[in-house]
Amino acid sequence: MLLTTGCGAGASTDRSSHSDAKPAPVPIAPDGGGGAPATGADGAADGQRQGDEARESRPVAPDYLSTFALDVDTASYGYARRTLEDGQLPQAGDIRPEEFINSFRQDYPRPTGDGFSVTVDGARPGSVDGEISTQDGGEAGSEAGSGVDGEDWSLVRVGLSTRTSDRKGERPPAALTFVIDISGSMAEPGRLDLVKESLGILTDQLRDDDSIALVTFSDEAKTRLRMTRIDGNRDRIHSVVDSLEPTDSTNVEAGVKTGYDEAVEGRRRGATNRVVLLSDALANTGETEADAILDRIDDARREYGITLFGVGVGSEYGDALMERLADKGDGHTTYVSSSEQARKVFVEQLPTHVELRARDAKAQVAFDPKTVKQFRLIGYENRAVADDDFRNDRVDGGEVGPGHTVTALYAVRLREGTSGHLATATVRWLDPRTRAPHEQTGSIETDAADDALWDGSSKRLQVTAVAAYFAESLRGGSMPGAPGLGALAQRARKLATATEDSAVRQLADAIDQARRLRD
């Protein structure tokens, strides 16, 4: 299970700041005017994240604020890549742009202590090689296509970063309960076999003072290993993992309930207690909807601080169910389809997720009405938080571990002829140990978002833009200055060379595959 977590710092007066510690645009109208749905401004008052339906019916933004819970999920991008590799275009409803954006390394400075650094920068996308790019919606229901080539829009990136773990023994011990799907659907190559390989890798990576419990589920759930210290028991754990074989149907409800029972029974004081769900999340037995499973997850999180990490596998994958479970468990999701990806998750990512830098972390971006005419947060529709709940620490946020970055990208339309302050971004989180609240801020001026995106801006900002453009294209949305997929793939390949980043090269391959499938 994974979550995110100061005392505030003043905003920087630099052009862009590095502070240490819906497809439709959002009209910003002080008089209440405007006709497009608001994105990221009005979330659910009870702190529950909004789904796709809410994206279509949100009211007009009454202010200049955008508030959301932090998200380090990457499953949507991983599953989209797998689907494209299988020769199919992903479903629009499975695309969450923030998970595309957050799948790539960033260049933000790390804070010197716990908490976050806040970086805000931007650039203008401009016109794209004569291609027409449209922006749905418009201020007060007019100028529906006013963002035709992106010339009057900027992309503003809000970047948050936590410090890494300096020493292997720095984190507290972990008590991990693995809930493993062994249903018939997991017999497909790349499912249970990959899960077993991943667990074997992790067993060798964990420290001697860590603990593991194993629960399996098909039509019913069974405890295979009670909470057991790693020290002296690695061979026993390997033997249990190696014995797993696929059986019958998928009763996610039974697996989650039994897994949390074991996690509560075996929880360790002073340790990080987490449930790790490994499944294709294709529930077909018991309660198959997330609503019937969420109460147990929520109770364990609130009473015992037990959080959830969801690892998805399989060419057919219940992405929406897994994401809802992880959201309720203050955790996050990822997706693996190869041994290379499994090793990255279980060797590089999960050990860092065992430690927390922040709990219930939220971000709020305040745009300056004197300079900003419209804004739109790209993605995060189901992570929206009511503006008034930003400092309500009873409202759920996200959890973030060491060495993480979180990125939010905005399309922003400035008022003609204005200059000066553009926006201030604030992140708020709770200390994982004391639950004390902290905040950190960063700000940006209009001239910091005026450089050409593809010429002089940060290469990592360009990668962020490519990922966002790709996600919006896959879900049928639009952004100012969006290139066609062919031009976008070319941008990605140039960036892969410039950054020497294999993940960006894989992004270019995925864009090319989507283009071929559409053609």
Protein backbone atom coordinates (compact mmCIF):
# COMPACT_ATOMS: atom_id res chain seq x y z
CA MET A 1 0.00 0.00 0.00
CA LEU A 2 1.32 3.44 -0.76
CA LEU A 3 0.48 7.03 0.36
CA THR A 4 1.81 10.60 0.05
CA THR A 5 2.66 12.98 2.70
CA GLY A 6 5.97 21.48 6.72
CA CYS A 7 5.90 24.56 7.35
CA GLY A 8 5.22 26.80 4.43
CA ALA A 9 7.86 28.63 2.56
CA GLY A 10 7.28 31.90 0.82
CA ALA A 11 6.83 32.08 -2.93
CA SER A 12 9.88 32.76 -5.02
CA THR A 13 10.20 35.94 -7.03
CA ASP A 14 12.17 34.18 -9.77
CA ARG A 15 10.63 33.71 -13.21
CA SER A 16 10.01 30.08 -12.25
CA SER A 17 10.48 28.71 -8.77
CA HIS A 18 12.19 25.75 -7.16
CA SER A 19 10.92 25.75 -3.60
CA ASP A 20 12.49 23.19 -1.28
CA ALA A 21 11.00 21.49 1.71
CA LYS A 22 -12.03 16.73 -19.16
CA PRO A 23 -10.93 17.32 -22.03
CA ALA A 24 -12.56 20.81 -21.89
CA PRO A 25 -10.65 23.92 -20.69
CA VAL A 26 -11.61 25.53 -17.42
CA PRO A 27 -13.02 29.02 -17.85
CA ILE A 28 -11.97 31.37 -15.09
CA ALA A 29 -14.64 33.99 -14.67
CA PRO A 30 -14.78 36.18 -11.55
CA ASP A 31 -18.34 37.12 -12.40
CA GLY A 32 -19.41 33.49 -12.55
CA GLY A 33 -19.56 33.40 -16.33
CA GLY A 34 -18.35 30.53 -18.43
CA GLY A 35 -19.78 27.48 -19.95
CA ALA A 36 -17.25 24.65 -19.90
CA PRO A 37 -16.89 22.00 -17.23
CA ALA A 38 -14.35 22.77 -14.56
CA THR A 39 -11.40 20.46 -14.14
CA GLY A 40 -9.60 20.11 -10.85
CA ALA A 41 -11.38 23.00 -9.16
CA ASP A 42 -14.53 21.57 -7.66
CA GLY A 43 -14.03 18.07 -6.29
CA ALA A 44 -16.26 16.06 -4.01
CA ALA A 45 -16.86 17.79 -0.70
CA ASP A 46 -16.47 14.53 1.17
CA GLY A 47 -13.01 14.00 -0.31
CA GLN A 48 -14.00 11.10 -2.56
CA ARG A 49 -12.29 11.26 -5.95
CA GLN A 50 -14.54 11.77 -8.94
CA GLY A 51 -14.91 9.26 -11.76
CA ASP A 52 -15.47 9.67 -15.45
CA GLU A 53 -19.13 10.58 -14.99
CA ALA A 54 -18.24 13.53 -12.80
CA ARG A 55 -15.84 14.78 -15.44
CA GLU A 56 -18.78 15.45 -17.72
CA SER A 57 -20.99 17.22 -15.17
CA ARG A 58 -18.78 19.38 -12.98
CA PRO A 59 -19.97 22.97 -12.51
CA VAL A 60 -18.13 25.99 -13.84
CA ALA A 61 -15.09 26.90 -11.77
CA PRO A 62 -16.13 29.69 -9.38
CA ASP A 63 -12.56 30.69 -8.58
CA TYR A 64 -8.96 30.47 -9.65
CA LEU A 65 -8.08 27.37 -7.62
CA SER A 66 -7.26 23.82 -8.70
CA THR A 67 -7.05 21.22 -5.90
CA PHE A 68 -6.26 17.51 -6.12
CA ALA A 69 -4.82 14.58 -4.19
CA LEU A 70 -1.32 13.54 -5.22
CA ASP A 71 -1.05 10.45 -7.38
CA VAL A 72 1.99 8.32 -8.21
CA ASP A 73 0.07 5.63 -10.10
CA THR A 74 1.48 4.48 -13.44
CA ALA A 75 -0.77 1.50 -14.26
CA SER A 76 -2.79 3.27 -16.96
CA TYR A 77 0.32 3.93 -19.06
CA GLY A 78 1.73 0.44 -18.52
CA TYR A 79 -1.52 -1.23 -19.54
CA ALA A 80 -1.89 1.05 -22.58
CA ARG A 81 1.57 0.03 -23.77
CA ARG A 82 0.71 -3.65 -23.32
CA THR A 83 -2.55 -3.22 -25.24
CA LEU A 84 -0.76 -1.47 -28.12
CA GLU A 85 1.91 -4.19 -28.22
CA ASP A 86 -0.94 -6.70 -28.60
CA GLY A 87 -2.13 -4.82 -31.69
CA GLN A 88 -5.13 -3.01 -30.19
CA LEU A 89 -5.91 0.57 -29.26
CA PRO A 90 -6.68 0.98 -25.55
CA GLN A 91 -10.17 1.96 -24.43
CA ALA A 92 -10.56 5.69 -23.87
CA GLY A 93 -11.91 5.07 -20.37
CA ASP A 94 -8.69 3.28 -19.38
CA ILE A 95 -6.55 6.34 -20.13
CA ARG A 96 -5.56 8.57 -17.20
CA PRO A 97 -3.15 11.26 -18.46
CA GLU A 98 -1.56 11.89 -15.05
CA GLU A 99 -0.39 8.26 -14.99
CA PHE A 100 1.25 8.70 -18.39
CA ILE A 101 2.96 11.89 -17.19
CA ASN A 102 4.13 10.36 -13.91
CA SER A 103 5.69 7.34 -15.65
CA PHE A 104 8.79 9.35 -16.61
CA ARG A 105 11.83 10.58 -14.77
CA GLN A 106 11.90 14.30 -13.97
CA ASP A 107 14.60 16.89 -13.30
CA TYR A 108 13.28 18.46 -10.09
CA PRO A 109 15.69 19.30 -7.26
CA ARG A 110 15.38 17.10 -4.18
CA PRO A 111 14.56 18.66 -0.79
CA THR A 112 17.17 18.49 1.94
CA GLY A 113 14.75 17.07 4.51
CA ASP A 114 11.45 15.21 4.62
CA GLY A 115 8.55 16.60 2.62
CA PHE A 116 8.65 18.09 -0.85
CA SER A 117 10.44 20.50 -3.13
CA VAL A 118 8.07 22.48 -5.38
CA THR A 119 9.09 23.42 -8.92
CA VAL A 120 6.90 25.42 -11.32
CA ASP A 121 7.89 26.11 -14.93
CA GLY A 122 6.30 26.32 -18.35
CA ALA A 123 6.53 27.03 -22.07
CA ARG A 124 4.41 27.89 -25.09
CA PRO A 125 3.55 24.99 -27.42
CA GLY A 126 2.95 27.29 -30.41
CA SER A 127 1.83 26.07 -33.81
CA VAL A 128 2.82 22.61 -34.98
CA ASP A 129 4.17 22.35 -38.51
CA GLY A 130 0.99 23.69 -40.06
CA GLU A 131 -1.21 21.06 -38.39
CA ILE A 132 -4.49 22.21 -36.90
CA SER A 133 -4.94 21.47 -33.23
CA THR A 134 -8.25 22.18 -31.53
CA GLN A 135 -9.16 22.99 -27.96
CA ASP A 136 -12.71 22.11 -26.95
CA GLY A 137 -14.78 24.55 -24.97
CA GLY A 138 -14.16 28.23 -24.40
CA GLU A 139 -14.80 31.14 -22.14
CA ALA A 140 -18.48 31.83 -21.54
CA GLY A 141 -19.35 29.29 -24.21
CA SER A 142 -17.64 31.28 -26.96
CA GLU A 143 -14.37 30.88 -28.86
CA ALA A 144 -14.84 27.12 -28.85
CA GLY A 145 -11.82 26.62 -31.08
CA SER A 146 -9.77 29.55 -29.87
CA GLY A 147 -6.73 27.43 -29.01
CA VAL A 148 -6.35 26.36 -32.66
CA ASP A 149 -2.57 26.28 -32.82
CA GLY A 150 -1.63 26.87 -29.21
CA GLU A 151 -0.14 30.30 -29.89
CA ASP A 152 -2.12 31.95 -27.10
CA TRP A 153 -1.71 29.09 -24.63
CA SER A 154 1.10 27.97 -22.33
CA LEU A 155 1.78 24.64 -20.68
CA VAL A 156 2.60 25.04 -16.97
CA ARG A 157 4.26 22.17 -15.10
CA VAL A 158 3.97 21.80 -11.33
CA GLY A 159 6.60 19.37 -10.06
CA LEU A 160 6.90 17.90 -6.57
CA SER A 161 9.81 15.78 -5.38
CA THR A 162 10.83 13.93 -2.21
CA ARG A 163 14.35 13.11 -1.08
CA THR A 164 15.76 9.66 -1.64
CA SER A 165 16.76 7.15 1.02
CA ASP A 166 20.45 7.70 1.67
CA ARG A 167 21.08 4.48 3.56
CA LYS A 168 19.66 0.99 3.06
CA GLY A 169 18.78 0.67 6.73
CA GLU A 170 17.23 4.12 7.02
CA ARG A 171 13.63 3.02 6.58
CA PRO A 172 11.61 1.25 9.28
CA PRO A 173 11.04 -2.51 8.90
CA ALA A 174 8.21 -3.60 6.61
CA ALA A 175 5.33 -5.99 7.27
CA LEU A 176 3.99 -6.91 3.82
CA THR A 177 0.91 -9.05 3.19
CA PHE A 178 0.84 -10.32 -0.39
CA VAL A 179 -2.63 -11.13 -1.73
CA ILE A 180 -2.10 -13.25 -4.84
CA ASP A 181 -4.65 -14.06 -7.53
CA ILE A 182 -4.37 -17.76 -8.55
CA SER A 183 -7.65 -17.93 -10.48
CA GLY A 184 -7.94 -19.65 -13.86
CA SER A 185 -7.42 -16.40 -15.76
CA MET A 186 -3.96 -16.12 -14.15
CA ALA A 187 -2.80 -19.22 -16.08
CA GLU A 188 -2.10 -17.09 -19.16
CA PRO A 189 1.63 -16.51 -19.74
CA GLY A 190 2.67 -13.21 -18.19
CA ARG A 191 0.32 -13.50 -15.21
CA LEU A 192 0.90 -15.96 -12.35
CA ASP A 193 4.31 -16.96 -13.69
CA LEU A 194 5.34 -13.31 -13.64
CA VAL A 195 3.90 -12.84 -10.15
CA LYS A 196 5.91 -15.82 -8.84
CA GLU A 197 9.07 -14.53 -10.45
CA SER A 198 8.46 -11.09 -8.96
CA LEU A 199 7.87 -12.44 -5.45
CA GLY A 200 11.03 -14.51 -5.67
CA ILE A 201 13.01 -11.42 -6.60
CA LEU A 202 11.48 -9.40 -3.78
CA THR A 203 12.08 -12.11 -1.17
CA ASP A 204 15.80 -11.86 -1.88
CA GLN A 205 15.73 -8.05 -1.81
CA LEU A 206 13.96 -7.47 1.51
CA ARG A 207 15.90 -7.01 4.73
CA ASP A 208 16.21 -9.64 7.46
CA ASP A 209 14.02 -7.58 9.81
CA ASP A 210 11.18 -7.33 7.26
CA SER A 211 8.19 -9.69 7.41
CA ILE A 212 5.95 -11.34 4.79
CA ALA A 213 2.52 -13.00 4.82
CA LEU A 214 1.03 -14.74 1.76
CA VAL A 215 -2.68 -15.08 0.95
CA THR A 216 -4.00 -16.61 -2.27
CA PHE A 217 -7.48 -16.42 -3.73
CA SER A 218 -9.50 -17.97 -6.54
CA ASP A 219 -13.11 -18.88 -5.75
CA GLU A 220 -12.11 -18.68 -2.08
CA ALA A 221 -9.17 -17.27 -0.13
CA LYS A 222 -6.51 -19.21 1.74
CA THR A 223 -3.64 -18.11 3.98
CA ARG A 224 -0.44 -19.79 2.74
CA LEU A 225 1.97 -18.09 5.14
CA ARG A 226 1.27 -16.18 8.34
CA MET A 227 3.31 -13.05 8.98
CA THR A 228 6.90 -14.37 9.04
CA ARG A 229 10.25 -12.65 9.54
CA ILE A 230 12.52 -12.85 6.49
CA ASP A 231 15.58 -13.71 8.58
CA GLY A 232 16.14 -17.46 8.42
CA ASN A 233 12.97 -18.10 6.39
CA ARG A 234 13.84 -17.16 2.82
CA ASP A 235 13.91 -20.77 1.62
CA ARG A 236 10.52 -21.42 3.23
CA ILE A 237 9.03 -18.35 1.55
CA HIS A 238 10.48 -19.36 -1.83
CA SER A 239 8.96 -22.82 -1.42
CA VAL A 240 5.48 -21.42 -0.77
CA VAL A 241 5.74 -19.05 -3.76
CA ASP A 242 7.01 -21.82 -6.09
CA SER A 243 4.06 -24.05 -5.16
CA LEU A 244 1.41 -21.60 -6.43
CA GLU A 245 -0.71 -22.91 -9.32
CA PRO A 246 -3.79 -21.43 -11.05
CA THR A 247 -7.17 -22.91 -10.11
CA ASP A 248 -10.72 -21.58 -10.50
CA SER A 249 -12.62 -18.28 -10.67
CA THR A 250 -11.68 -14.85 -9.30
CA ASN A 251 -13.15 -13.81 -5.95
CA VAL A 252 -11.32 -10.54 -5.31
CA GLU A 253 -13.60 -9.81 -2.36
CA ALA A 254 -12.50 -12.98 -0.52
CA GLY A 255 -8.84 -12.31 -1.26
CA VAL A 256 -8.92 -8.70 -0.07
CA LYS A 257 -10.89 -9.51 3.08
CA THR A 258 -8.64 -12.40 4.10
CA GLY A 259 -5.52 -10.45 3.17
CA TYR A 260 -6.51 -7.53 5.36
CA ASP A 261 -7.44 -9.86 8.20
CA GLU A 262 -3.92 -11.29 8.03
CA ALA A 263 -2.36 -7.83 7.76
CA VAL A 264 -4.24 -6.63 10.85
CA GLU A 265 -3.42 -9.79 12.82
CA GLY A 266 0.25 -9.70 11.86
CA ARG A 267 0.79 -5.93 11.99
CA ARG A 268 3.97 -4.76 13.65
CA ARG A 269 4.27 -1.66 15.78
CA GLY A 270 6.91 0.70 14.40
CA ALA A 271 6.88 -1.03 10.99
CA THR A 272 5.35 -0.01 7.67
CA ASN A 273 2.31 -2.27 7.31
CA ARG A 274 1.13 -2.78 3.76
CA VAL A 275 -1.01 -5.07 1.62
CA VAL A 276 0.27 -5.83 -1.89
CA LEU A 277 -2.46 -7.08 -4.25
CA LEU A 278 -1.20 -8.94 -7.34
CA SER A 279 -4.00 -9.70 -9.78
CA ASP A 280 -5.54 -9.18 -13.19
CA ALA A 281 -8.51 -7.78 -11.18
CA LEU A 282 -11.04 -9.59 -13.39
CA ALA A 283 -13.47 -10.39 -10.57
CA ASN A 284 -16.23 -12.85 -11.49
CA THR A 285 -17.12 -14.50 -8.15
CA GLY A 286 -18.38 -12.98 -4.90
CA GLU A 287 -18.81 -9.23 -4.86
CA THR A 288 -17.38 -8.09 -8.17
CA GLU A 289 -17.80 -4.33 -7.71
CA ALA A 290 -15.34 -2.20 -5.75
CA ASP A 291 -18.04 -0.66 -3.53
CA ALA A 292 -18.57 -3.97 -1.72
CA ILE A 293 -14.84 -4.37 -0.99
CA LEU A 294 -13.91 -0.81 -0.06
CA ASP A 295 -15.17 -0.76 3.53
CA ARG A 296 -12.64 -3.34 4.76
CA ILE A 297 -9.80 -1.49 3.07
CA ASP A 298 -10.92 1.86 4.50
CA ASP A 299 -11.33 0.50 8.04
CA ALA A 300 -7.82 -1.00 8.06
CA ARG A 301 -6.32 2.18 6.70
CA ARG A 302 -8.01 4.44 9.23
CA GLU A 303 -7.61 2.23 12.30
CA TYR A 304 -4.22 0.62 11.70
CA GLY A 305 -2.55 2.69 8.97
CA ILE A 306 -2.41 -0.32 6.63
CA THR A 307 -2.14 0.85 3.03
CA LEU A 308 -2.43 -0.86 -0.37
CA PHE A 309 -0.14 -1.33 -3.38
CA GLY A 310 -1.85 -2.82 -6.44
CA VAL A 311 0.20 -4.62 -9.10
CA GLY A 312 -1.74 -5.43 -12.26
CA VAL A 313 -0.86 -8.19 -14.74
CA GLY A 314 -2.40 -9.77 -17.85
CA SER A 315 -3.42 -8.75 -21.36
CA GLU A 316 -6.95 -8.33 -20.04
CA TYR A 317 -6.83 -6.31 -16.84
CA GLY A 318 -9.48 -4.82 -14.53
CA ASP A 319 -7.77 -1.44 -14.36
CA ALA A 320 -10.75 0.51 -13.01
CA LEU A 321 -11.36 -1.95 -10.14
CA MET A 322 -7.70 -2.05 -9.13
CA GLU A 323 -7.44 1.74 -9.14
CA ARG A 324 -10.53 2.16 -6.94
CA LEU A 325 -9.19 -0.36 -4.43
CA ALA A 326 -5.80 1.37 -4.28
CA ASP A 327 -7.36 4.82 -3.96
CA LYS A 328 -9.46 3.70 -0.99
CA GLY A 329 -6.40 2.09 0.57
CA ASP A 330 -4.35 5.30 0.27
CA GLY A 331 -2.11 3.44 -2.11
CA HIS A 332 -1.23 3.33 -5.75
CA THR A 333 -1.15 0.98 -8.70
CA THR A 334 1.33 -0.11 -11.30
CA TYR A 335 1.22 -2.62 -14.16
CA VAL A 336 3.81 -5.17 -15.25
CA SER A 337 3.89 -7.30 -18.40
CA SER A 338 7.52 -8.45 -18.59
CA SER A 339 10.35 -9.70 -16.39
CA GLU A 340 12.16 -6.40 -16.93
CA GLN A 341 9.18 -4.41 -15.66
CA ALA A 342 8.67 -6.81 -12.74
CA ARG A 343 12.28 -6.38 -11.68
CA LYS A 344 11.91 -2.59 -11.84
CA VAL A 345 8.78 -2.68 -9.68
CA PHE A 346 9.92 -5.22 -7.10
CA VAL A 347 13.62 -4.38 -6.92
CA GLU A 348 13.61 -0.62 -7.46
CA GLN A 349 10.12 0.66 -6.63
CA LEU A 350 8.53 -1.49 -3.93
CA PRO A 351 11.44 -1.24 -1.46
CA THR A 352 11.23 2.57 -1.68
CA HIS A 353 7.45 2.43 -1.33
CA VAL A 354 7.87 0.64 1.98
CA GLU A 355 8.98 3.94 3.51
CA LEU A 356 6.82 7.06 3.47
CA ARG A 357 7.79 10.70 3.18
CA ALA A 358 4.23 12.03 3.32
CA ARG A 359 0.65 11.01 4.09
CA ASP A 360 -2.59 12.52 2.79
CA ALA A 361 -0.73 14.84 0.44
CA LYS A 362 -2.73 17.33 -1.61
CA ALA A 363 -1.78 20.10 -4.01
CA GLN A 364 -3.54 23.39 -4.67
CA VAL A 365 -2.63 25.74 -7.49
CA ALA A 366 -3.89 29.32 -7.26
CA PHE A 367 -3.93 31.13 -10.61
CA ASP A 368 -3.74 34.92 -10.69
CA PRO A 369 -6.95 36.37 -12.13
CA LYS A 370 -5.07 39.46 -13.31
CA THR A 371 -3.00 37.45 -15.77
CA VAL A 372 -4.87 34.15 -16.33
CA LYS A 373 -7.97 33.90 -18.49
CA GLN A 374 -8.46 30.10 -18.60
CA PHE A 375 -6.78 27.00 -17.26
CA ARG A 376 -7.18 23.26 -17.47
CA LEU A 377 -5.53 20.52 -15.42
CA ILE A 378 -4.58 17.62 -17.68
CA GLY A 379 -5.96 14.49 -16.02
CA TYR A 380 -6.48 13.96 -12.26
CA GLU A 381 -10.26 13.92 -12.79
CA ASN A 382 -10.77 11.19 -10.21
CA ARG A 383 -8.29 12.75 -7.75
CA ALA A 384 -10.16 16.05 -7.43
CA VAL A 385 -10.59 17.55 -3.97
CA ALA A 386 -12.91 20.41 -3.01
CA ASP A 387 -10.95 23.64 -2.71
CA ASP A 388 -12.22 24.18 0.83
CA ASP A 389 -10.90 20.75 1.84
CA PHE A 390 -7.29 21.48 0.97
CA ARG A 391 -6.44 22.11 4.64
CA ASN A 392 -9.03 19.67 5.98
CA ASP A 393 -6.74 16.87 7.12
CA ARG A 394 -9.66 14.50 7.60
CA VAL A 395 -10.07 14.46 3.83
CA ASP A 396 -8.07 11.74 2.12
CA GLY A 397 -5.01 12.66 0.08
CA GLY A 398 -2.24 10.50 -1.34
CA GLU A 399 0.91 8.89 0.01
CA VAL A 400 4.38 9.44 -1.38
CA GLY A 401 7.58 7.56 -0.61
CA PRO A 402 11.24 8.56 -0.87
CA GLY A 403 12.68 9.50 -4.25
CA HIS A 404 9.28 10.06 -5.84
CA THR A 405 8.23 12.83 -8.18
CA VAL A 406 4.67 13.95 -8.86
CA THR A 407 3.84 16.12 -11.87
CA ALA A 408 0.72 18.09 -12.80
CA LEU A 409 0.48 19.74 -16.21
CA TYR A 410 -1.86 22.67 -16.93
CA ALA A 411 -2.92 24.30 -20.18
CA VAL A 412 -3.12 28.00 -19.34
CA ARG A 413 -4.40 30.88 -21.45
CA LEU A 414 -3.09 34.27 -20.38
CA ARG A 415 -4.94 37.56 -20.66
CA GLU A 416 -3.71 39.58 -23.58
CA GLY A 417 -1.15 42.24 -22.74
CA THR A 418 -0.67 41.21 -19.11
CA SER A 419 2.47 40.18 -17.25
CA GLY A 420 3.56 39.40 -13.73
CA HIS A 421 2.54 36.69 -11.30
CA LEU A 422 0.91 33.67 -13.00
CA ALA A 423 0.32 31.08 -10.28
CA THR A 424 1.38 29.77 -6.87
CA ALA A 425 1.44 26.02 -6.15
CA THR A 426 1.18 24.71 -2.58
CA VAL A 427 1.56 21.13 -1.42
CA ARG A 428 0.23 20.06 2.00
CA TRP A 429 0.95 16.76 3.69
CA LEU A 430 1.01 15.01 7.05
CA ASP A 431 4.19 13.73 8.65
CA PRO A 432 4.01 9.90 8.46
CA ARG A 433 5.02 9.50 12.10
CA THR A 434 3.57 12.49 13.98
CA ARG A 435 0.66 13.33 11.63
CA ALA A 436 1.67 16.99 11.94
CA PRO A 437 0.67 19.05 8.85
CA HIS A 438 3.27 20.81 6.69
CA GLU A 439 3.15 22.96 3.56
CA GLN A 440 5.58 24.08 0.87
CA THR A 441 5.04 26.51 -1.99
CA GLY A 442 6.47 27.54 -5.35
CA SER A 443 5.41 30.18 -7.87
CA ILE A 444 5.82 31.21 -11.49
CA GLU A 445 5.76 34.51 -13.39
CA THR A 446 4.25 34.92 -16.85
CA ASP A 447 7.59 35.34 -18.61
CA ALA A 448 8.73 31.95 -17.25
CA ALA A 449 6.07 30.29 -19.38
CA ASP A 450 6.84 32.29 -22.52
CA ASP A 451 9.70 30.32 -24.07
CA ALA A 452 9.02 27.99 -26.99
CA LEU A 453 8.28 24.46 -25.78
CA TRP A 454 10.22 22.59 -28.45
CA ASP A 455 13.19 24.96 -28.70
CA GLY A 456 14.60 26.19 -25.42
CA SER A 457 12.64 24.58 -22.61
CA SER A 458 13.69 21.71 -20.35
CA LYS A 459 13.93 18.34 -22.10
CA ARG A 460 11.99 16.80 -19.22
CA LEU A 461 9.22 19.37 -19.67
CA GLN A 462 9.10 18.32 -23.31
CA VAL A 463 8.82 14.64 -22.31
CA THR A 464 5.96 15.60 -19.98
CA ALA A 465 4.21 17.37 -22.85
CA VAL A 466 4.67 14.40 -25.21
CA ALA A 467 3.20 12.01 -22.62
CA ALA A 468 0.23 14.32 -22.03
CA TYR A 469 -0.42 14.86 -25.76
CA PHE A 470 -0.31 11.09 -26.31
CA ALA A 471 -2.73 10.35 -23.48
CA GLU A 472 -5.20 13.00 -24.61
CA SER A 473 -5.07 11.66 -28.16
CA LEU A 474 -5.78 8.09 -26.97
CA ARG A 475 -8.82 9.16 -24.95
CA GLY A 476 -10.18 11.42 -27.70
CA GLY A 477 -9.35 14.68 -25.96
CA SER A 478 -7.36 17.66 -27.12
CA MET A 479 -4.69 20.07 -25.93
CA PRO A 480 -3.38 23.37 -27.30
CA GLY A 481 -0.64 22.87 -29.87
CA ALA A 482 -1.14 19.09 -30.10
CA PRO A 483 0.92 17.51 -32.90
CA GLY A 484 -0.38 14.58 -34.88
CA LEU A 485 0.85 11.18 -33.71
CA GLY A 486 3.47 10.99 -36.45
CA ALA A 487 5.03 14.32 -35.46
CA LEU A 488 4.67 13.42 -31.78
CA ALA A 489 6.59 10.17 -32.28
CA GLN A 490 9.38 12.13 -33.99
CA ARG A 491 9.54 14.49 -31.02
CA ALA A 492 9.75 11.53 -28.66
CA ARG A 493 12.58 9.90 -30.63
CA LYS A 494 14.62 13.11 -30.58
CA LEU A 495 14.05 13.39 -26.85
CA ALA A 496 15.05 9.75 -26.32
CA THR A 497 18.38 10.51 -27.98
CA ALA A 498 18.87 13.77 -26.09
CA THR A 499 18.01 12.28 -22.69
CA GLU A 500 19.52 8.81 -23.32
CA ASP A 501 16.40 7.47 -21.64
CA SER A 502 15.11 4.07 -22.77
CA ALA A 503 11.68 4.82 -21.25
CA VAL A 504 11.29 7.75 -23.66
CA ARG A 505 12.29 5.48 -26.55
CA GLN A 506 9.55 3.07 -25.48
CA LEU A 507 7.12 6.00 -25.43
CA ALA A 508 8.06 6.80 -29.04
CA ASP A 509 7.46 3.16 -30.00
CA ALA A 510 4.03 3.21 -28.34
CA ILE A 511 3.05 6.42 -30.18
CA ASP A 512 4.17 4.90 -33.49
CA GLN A 513 2.13 1.76 -32.81
CA ALA A 514 -0.97 3.83 -32.02
CA ARG A 515 -0.49 5.77 -35.25
CA ARG A 516 -0.21 2.55 -37.29
CA LEU A 517 -3.32 1.08 -35.69
CA ARG A 518 -5.32 4.23 -36.41
CA ASP A 519 -4.11 4.36 -39.99
